[in-house]
């Protein structure tokens, strides 16, 4: 039997500047994401859509969700495979294609993880585990766009 995990949060629009949504320019795109016992995430739309550049936007959060989910599965598979990971960094790139109508969607994500491991005998497996992590990542499995990986493995002695 499948096990279900439920996630819930509260999203609050905080951008009313006193004119409600009278016109497209009369409100801020600011919002807060609140989760019990966690720091509030301050969000806005991308600056290209009149958002606050100092706040996280949905596109940032989406890309971060894919990257961090992949990393967590990858670290798990390294741990159970006997690969000692000293450090992990990723610089994911997401491509969002906007249509003339203003609608749009992500069309591709490429993860660029750099992984520092101990032991040169594990380099091949360390690279291969990225494909396995992708096939287990809850977020990557929930989207219908390709998630590519261009890993760099660095051996630390």
C-alpha atoms as a PDB file:
ATOM      1  CA  UNK A   1       0.000   0.000   0.000  1.00  0.00           C
ATOM      2  CA  UNK A   2       1.319   3.442  -0.918  1.00  0.00           C
ATOM      3  CA  UNK A   3       2.207   5.763   1.938  1.00  0.00           C
ATOM      4  CA  UNK A   4       0.930   9.332   1.651  1.00  0.00           C
ATOM      5  CA  UNK A   5       2.717  12.387   3.004  1.00  0.00           C
ATOM      6  CA  UNK A   6       0.720  15.596   3.282  1.00  0.00           C
ATOM      7  CA  UNK A   7       2.186  19.075   2.997  1.00  0.00           C
ATOM      8  CA  UNK A   8       0.433  22.268   3.908  1.00  0.00           C
ATOM      9  CA  UNK A   9       1.403  25.899   4.152  1.00  0.00           C
ATOM     10  CA  UNK A  10      -0.165  29.307   4.302  1.00  0.00           C
ATOM     11  CA  UNK A  11       0.360  31.816   1.492  1.00  0.00           C
ATOM     12  CA  UNK A  12      -0.513  35.453   2.267  1.00  0.00           C
ATOM     13  CA  UNK A  13      -0.461  38.255  -0.287  1.00  0.00           C
ATOM     14  CA  UNK A  14       1.061  41.331   1.412  1.00  0.00           C
ATOM     15  CA  UNK A  15       1.186  43.673  -1.579  1.00  0.00           C
ATOM     16  CA  UNK A  16      -1.977  45.728  -1.174  1.00  0.00           C
ATOM     17  CA  UNK A  17      -0.817  49.366  -1.280  1.00  0.00           C
ATOM     18  CA  UNK A  18      -4.259  50.758  -0.474  1.00  0.00           C
ATOM     19  CA  UNK A  19      -5.771  50.569  -3.957  1.00  0.00           C
ATOM     20  CA  UNK A  20      -6.431  46.819  -3.979  1.00  0.00           C
ATOM     21  CA  UNK A  21      -5.905  45.608  -7.561  1.00  0.00           C
ATOM     22  CA  UNK A  22      -7.307  48.720  -9.201  1.00  0.00           C
ATOM     23  CA  UNK A  23      -4.730  48.414 -11.987  1.00  0.00           C
ATOM     24  CA  UNK A  24      -1.693  46.281 -12.798  1.00  0.00           C
ATOM     25  CA  UNK A  25       0.643  48.964 -11.402  1.00  0.00           C
ATOM     26  CA  UNK A  26      -1.334  49.638  -8.204  1.00  0.00           C
ATOM     27  CA  UNK A  27      -0.211  46.638  -6.173  1.00  0.00           C
ATOM     28  CA  UNK A  28       2.964  44.865  -5.163  1.00  0.00           C
ATOM     29  CA  UNK A  29       3.539  41.228  -5.941  1.00  0.00           C
ATOM     30  CA  UNK A  30       4.828  40.560  -2.400  1.00  0.00           C
ATOM     31  CA  UNK A  31       3.721  37.530  -0.450  1.00  0.00           C
ATOM     32  CA  UNK A  32       4.714  35.415   2.529  1.00  0.00           C
ATOM     33  CA  UNK A  33       4.890  31.649   2.785  1.00  0.00           C
ATOM     34  CA  UNK A  34       4.301  30.535   6.342  1.00  0.00           C
ATOM     35  CA  UNK A  35       4.891  27.049   7.649  1.00  0.00           C
ATOM     36  CA  UNK A  36       4.579  25.964  11.276  1.00  0.00           C
ATOM     37  CA  UNK A  37       7.899  26.079  13.173  1.00  0.00           C
ATOM     38  CA  UNK A  38       9.841  27.354  10.136  1.00  0.00           C
ATOM     39  CA  UNK A  39      11.156  30.717   8.991  1.00  0.00           C
ATOM     40  CA  UNK A  40       8.759  32.731   6.857  1.00  0.00           C
ATOM     41  CA  UNK A  41       9.744  32.909   3.187  1.00  0.00           C
ATOM     42  CA  UNK A  42       9.365  36.387   1.722  1.00  0.00           C
ATOM     43  CA  UNK A  43       8.314  36.161  -1.898  1.00  0.00           C
ATOM     44  CA  UNK A  44       7.427  38.307  -4.859  1.00  0.00           C
ATOM     45  CA  UNK A  45       7.222  37.889  -8.603  1.00  0.00           C
ATOM     46  CA  UNK A  46      10.306  38.017 -10.789  1.00  0.00           C
ATOM     47  CA  UNK A  47      11.468  41.607 -11.416  1.00  0.00           C
ATOM     48  CA  UNK A  48      10.515  41.111 -15.084  1.00  0.00           C
ATOM     49  CA  UNK A  49       6.917  40.991 -13.821  1.00  0.00           C
ATOM     50  CA  UNK A  50       7.165  44.000 -11.460  1.00  0.00           C
ATOM     51  CA  UNK A  51       8.404  41.962  -8.508  1.00  0.00           C
ATOM     52  CA  UNK A  52      10.810  42.816  -5.720  1.00  0.00           C
ATOM     53  CA  UNK A  53      14.299  41.581  -6.678  1.00  0.00           C
ATOM     54  CA  UNK A  54      15.249  41.099  -3.008  1.00  0.00           C
ATOM     55  CA  UNK A  55      12.577  38.430  -2.443  1.00  0.00           C
ATOM     56  CA  UNK A  56      12.331  34.843  -3.618  1.00  0.00           C
ATOM     57  CA  UNK A  57      10.086  34.344  -6.633  1.00  0.00           C
ATOM     58  CA  UNK A  58       8.145  31.183  -7.566  1.00  0.00           C
ATOM     59  CA  UNK A  59      10.605  30.386 -10.342  1.00  0.00           C
ATOM     60  CA  UNK A  60      13.535  30.529  -7.873  1.00  0.00           C
ATOM     61  CA  UNK A  61      11.672  28.316  -5.421  1.00  0.00           C
ATOM     62  CA  UNK A  62      10.742  25.797  -8.122  1.00  0.00           C
ATOM     63  CA  UNK A  63      14.329  25.471  -9.315  1.00  0.00           C
ATOM     64  CA  UNK A  64      15.560  25.219  -5.709  1.00  0.00           C
ATOM     65  CA  UNK A  65      13.040  22.453  -5.021  1.00  0.00           C
ATOM     66  CA  UNK A  66      14.301  20.378  -7.955  1.00  0.00           C
ATOM     67  CA  UNK A  67      17.972  20.945  -7.079  1.00  0.00           C
ATOM     68  CA  UNK A  68      17.660  20.290  -3.348  1.00  0.00           C
ATOM     69  CA  UNK A  69      15.477  17.200  -3.793  1.00  0.00           C
ATOM     70  CA  UNK A  70      18.037  15.774  -6.210  1.00  0.00           C
ATOM     71  CA  UNK A  71      20.875  16.537  -3.797  1.00  0.00           C
ATOM     72  CA  UNK A  72      19.160  14.853  -0.854  1.00  0.00           C
ATOM     73  CA  UNK A  73      18.509  11.655  -2.835  1.00  0.00           C
ATOM     74  CA  UNK A  74      22.038  11.744  -4.244  1.00  0.00           C
ATOM     75  CA  UNK A  75      23.580  12.026  -0.769  1.00  0.00           C
ATOM     76  CA  UNK A  76      21.390   9.135   0.393  1.00  0.00           C
ATOM     77  CA  UNK A  77      22.543   6.885  -2.441  1.00  0.00           C
ATOM     78  CA  UNK A  78      26.184   7.838  -1.844  1.00  0.00           C
ATOM     79  CA  UNK A  79      25.837   7.003   1.850  1.00  0.00           C
ATOM     80  CA  UNK A  80      24.345   3.562   1.200  1.00  0.00           C
ATOM     81  CA  UNK A  81      26.960   2.922  -1.528  1.00  0.00           C
ATOM     82  CA  UNK A  82      29.925   3.727   0.688  1.00  0.00           C
ATOM     83  CA  UNK A  83      30.870   6.956  -1.097  1.00  0.00           C
ATOM     84  CA  UNK A  84      32.107   9.606   1.310  1.00  0.00           C
ATOM     85  CA  UNK A  85      30.885  12.994   0.122  1.00  0.00           C
ATOM     86  CA  UNK A  86      32.763  15.847   1.734  1.00  0.00           C
ATOM     87  CA  UNK A  87      30.999  18.689  -0.073  1.00  0.00           C
ATOM     88  CA  UNK A  88      28.194  19.221  -2.596  1.00  0.00           C
ATOM     89  CA  UNK A  89      27.280  22.354  -4.534  1.00  0.00           C
ATOM     90  CA  UNK A  90      24.904  22.866  -7.424  1.00  0.00           C
ATOM     91  CA  UNK A  91      24.297  25.733  -9.803  1.00  0.00           C
ATOM     92  CA  UNK A  92      21.045  24.707 -11.494  1.00  0.00           C
ATOM     93  CA  UNK A  93      19.796  26.481 -14.591  1.00  0.00           C
ATOM     94  CA  UNK A  94      16.128  26.561 -15.492  1.00  0.00           C
ATOM     95  CA  UNK A  95      14.786  27.760 -18.801  1.00  0.00           C
ATOM     96  CA  UNK A  96      11.345  29.358 -18.696  1.00  0.00           C
ATOM     97  CA  UNK A  97       9.784  30.061 -22.067  1.00  0.00           C
ATOM     98  CA  UNK A  98       7.240  32.869 -22.103  1.00  0.00           C
ATOM     99  CA  UNK A  99       4.636  32.961 -24.853  1.00  0.00           C
ATOM    100  CA  UNK A 100       3.303  36.101 -26.537  1.00  0.00           C
ATOM    101  CA  UNK A 101       0.156  35.825 -24.421  1.00  0.00           C
ATOM    102  CA  UNK A 102       2.231  36.076 -21.240  1.00  0.00           C
ATOM    103  CA  UNK A 103       1.684  32.439 -20.281  1.00  0.00           C
ATOM    104  CA  UNK A 104       4.765  30.308 -19.994  1.00  0.00           C
ATOM    105  CA  UNK A 105       6.407  27.242 -18.557  1.00  0.00           C
ATOM    106  CA  UNK A 106       9.760  25.805 -17.683  1.00  0.00           C
ATOM    107  CA  UNK A 107      11.010  23.840 -20.672  1.00  0.00           C
ATOM    108  CA  UNK A 108      14.279  22.479 -19.298  1.00  0.00           C
ATOM    109  CA  UNK A 109      16.310  22.244 -16.120  1.00  0.00           C
ATOM    110  CA  UNK A 110      19.993  21.414 -16.014  1.00  0.00           C
ATOM    111  CA  UNK A 111      21.675  20.657 -12.715  1.00  0.00           C
ATOM    112  CA  UNK A 112      25.411  21.374 -12.466  1.00  0.00           C
ATOM    113  CA  UNK A 113      26.415  19.598  -9.260  1.00  0.00           C
ATOM    114  CA  UNK A 114      30.009  19.639  -8.118  1.00  0.00           C
ATOM    115  CA  UNK A 115      30.681  16.853  -5.648  1.00  0.00           C
ATOM    116  CA  UNK A 116      33.817  16.393  -3.571  1.00  0.00           C
ATOM    117  CA  UNK A 117      34.330  12.737  -2.629  1.00  0.00           C
ATOM    118  CA  UNK A 118      37.011  10.709  -0.868  1.00  0.00           C
ATOM    119  CA  UNK A 119      38.554   7.901  -2.915  1.00  0.00           C
ATOM    120  CA  UNK A 120      39.192   7.871  -6.668  1.00  0.00           C
ATOM    121  CA  UNK A 121      37.783   4.328  -6.959  1.00  0.00           C
ATOM    122  CA  UNK A 122      34.266   5.763  -6.540  1.00  0.00           C
ATOM    123  CA  UNK A 123      34.311   8.384  -9.334  1.00  0.00           C
ATOM    124  CA  UNK A 124      32.344   6.329 -11.892  1.00  0.00           C
ATOM    125  CA  UNK A 125      29.670   5.292  -9.394  1.00  0.00           C
ATOM    126  CA  UNK A 126      29.489   8.849  -8.034  1.00  0.00           C
ATOM    127  CA  UNK A 127      28.616  10.082 -11.536  1.00  0.00           C
ATOM    128  CA  UNK A 128      26.125   7.264 -12.178  1.00  0.00           C
ATOM    129  CA  UNK A 129      24.217   7.910  -8.956  1.00  0.00           C
ATOM    130  CA  UNK A 130      22.950  11.213 -10.362  1.00  0.00           C
ATOM    131  CA  UNK A 131      20.675   9.298 -12.756  1.00  0.00           C
ATOM    132  CA  UNK A 132      19.387   7.168  -9.880  1.00  0.00           C
ATOM    133  CA  UNK A 133      18.785  10.251  -7.729  1.00  0.00           C
ATOM    134  CA  UNK A 134      16.790  11.810 -10.567  1.00  0.00           C
ATOM    135  CA  UNK A 135      14.618   8.712 -10.877  1.00  0.00           C
ATOM    136  CA  UNK A 136      13.784   8.879  -7.142  1.00  0.00           C
ATOM    137  CA  UNK A 137      13.490  12.655  -6.669  1.00  0.00           C
ATOM    138  CA  UNK A 138       9.873  13.410  -5.746  1.00  0.00           C
ATOM    139  CA  UNK A 139       9.963  16.808  -7.408  1.00  0.00           C
ATOM    140  CA  UNK A 140      11.627  15.698 -10.671  1.00  0.00           C
ATOM    141  CA  UNK A 141       9.143  12.826 -10.933  1.00  0.00           C
ATOM    142  CA  UNK A 142       6.259  15.291 -10.518  1.00  0.00           C
ATOM    143  CA  UNK A 143       7.127  17.534 -13.452  1.00  0.00           C
ATOM    144  CA  UNK A 144       6.929  16.893 -17.192  1.00  0.00           C
ATOM    145  CA  UNK A 145      10.123  18.562 -18.370  1.00  0.00           C
ATOM    146  CA  UNK A 146      13.605  17.110 -18.725  1.00  0.00           C
ATOM    147  CA  UNK A 147      16.040  17.452 -15.830  1.00  0.00           C
ATOM    148  CA  UNK A 148      19.573  16.961 -17.095  1.00  0.00           C
ATOM    149  CA  UNK A 149      22.716  16.559 -14.992  1.00  0.00           C
ATOM    150  CA  UNK A 150      26.224  17.700 -15.786  1.00  0.00           C
ATOM    151  CA  UNK A 151      28.101  16.550 -12.670  1.00  0.00           C
ATOM    152  CA  UNK A 152      31.701  17.265 -11.799  1.00  0.00           C
ATOM    153  CA  UNK A 153      33.314  14.868  -9.354  1.00  0.00           C
ATOM    154  CA  UNK A 154      36.396  16.051  -7.471  1.00  0.00           C
ATOM    155  CA  UNK A 155      38.461  13.558  -5.506  1.00  0.00           C
ATOM    156  CA  UNK A 156      39.684  14.782  -2.134  1.00  0.00           C
ATOM    157  CA  UNK A 157      42.665  12.926  -0.677  1.00  0.00           C
END
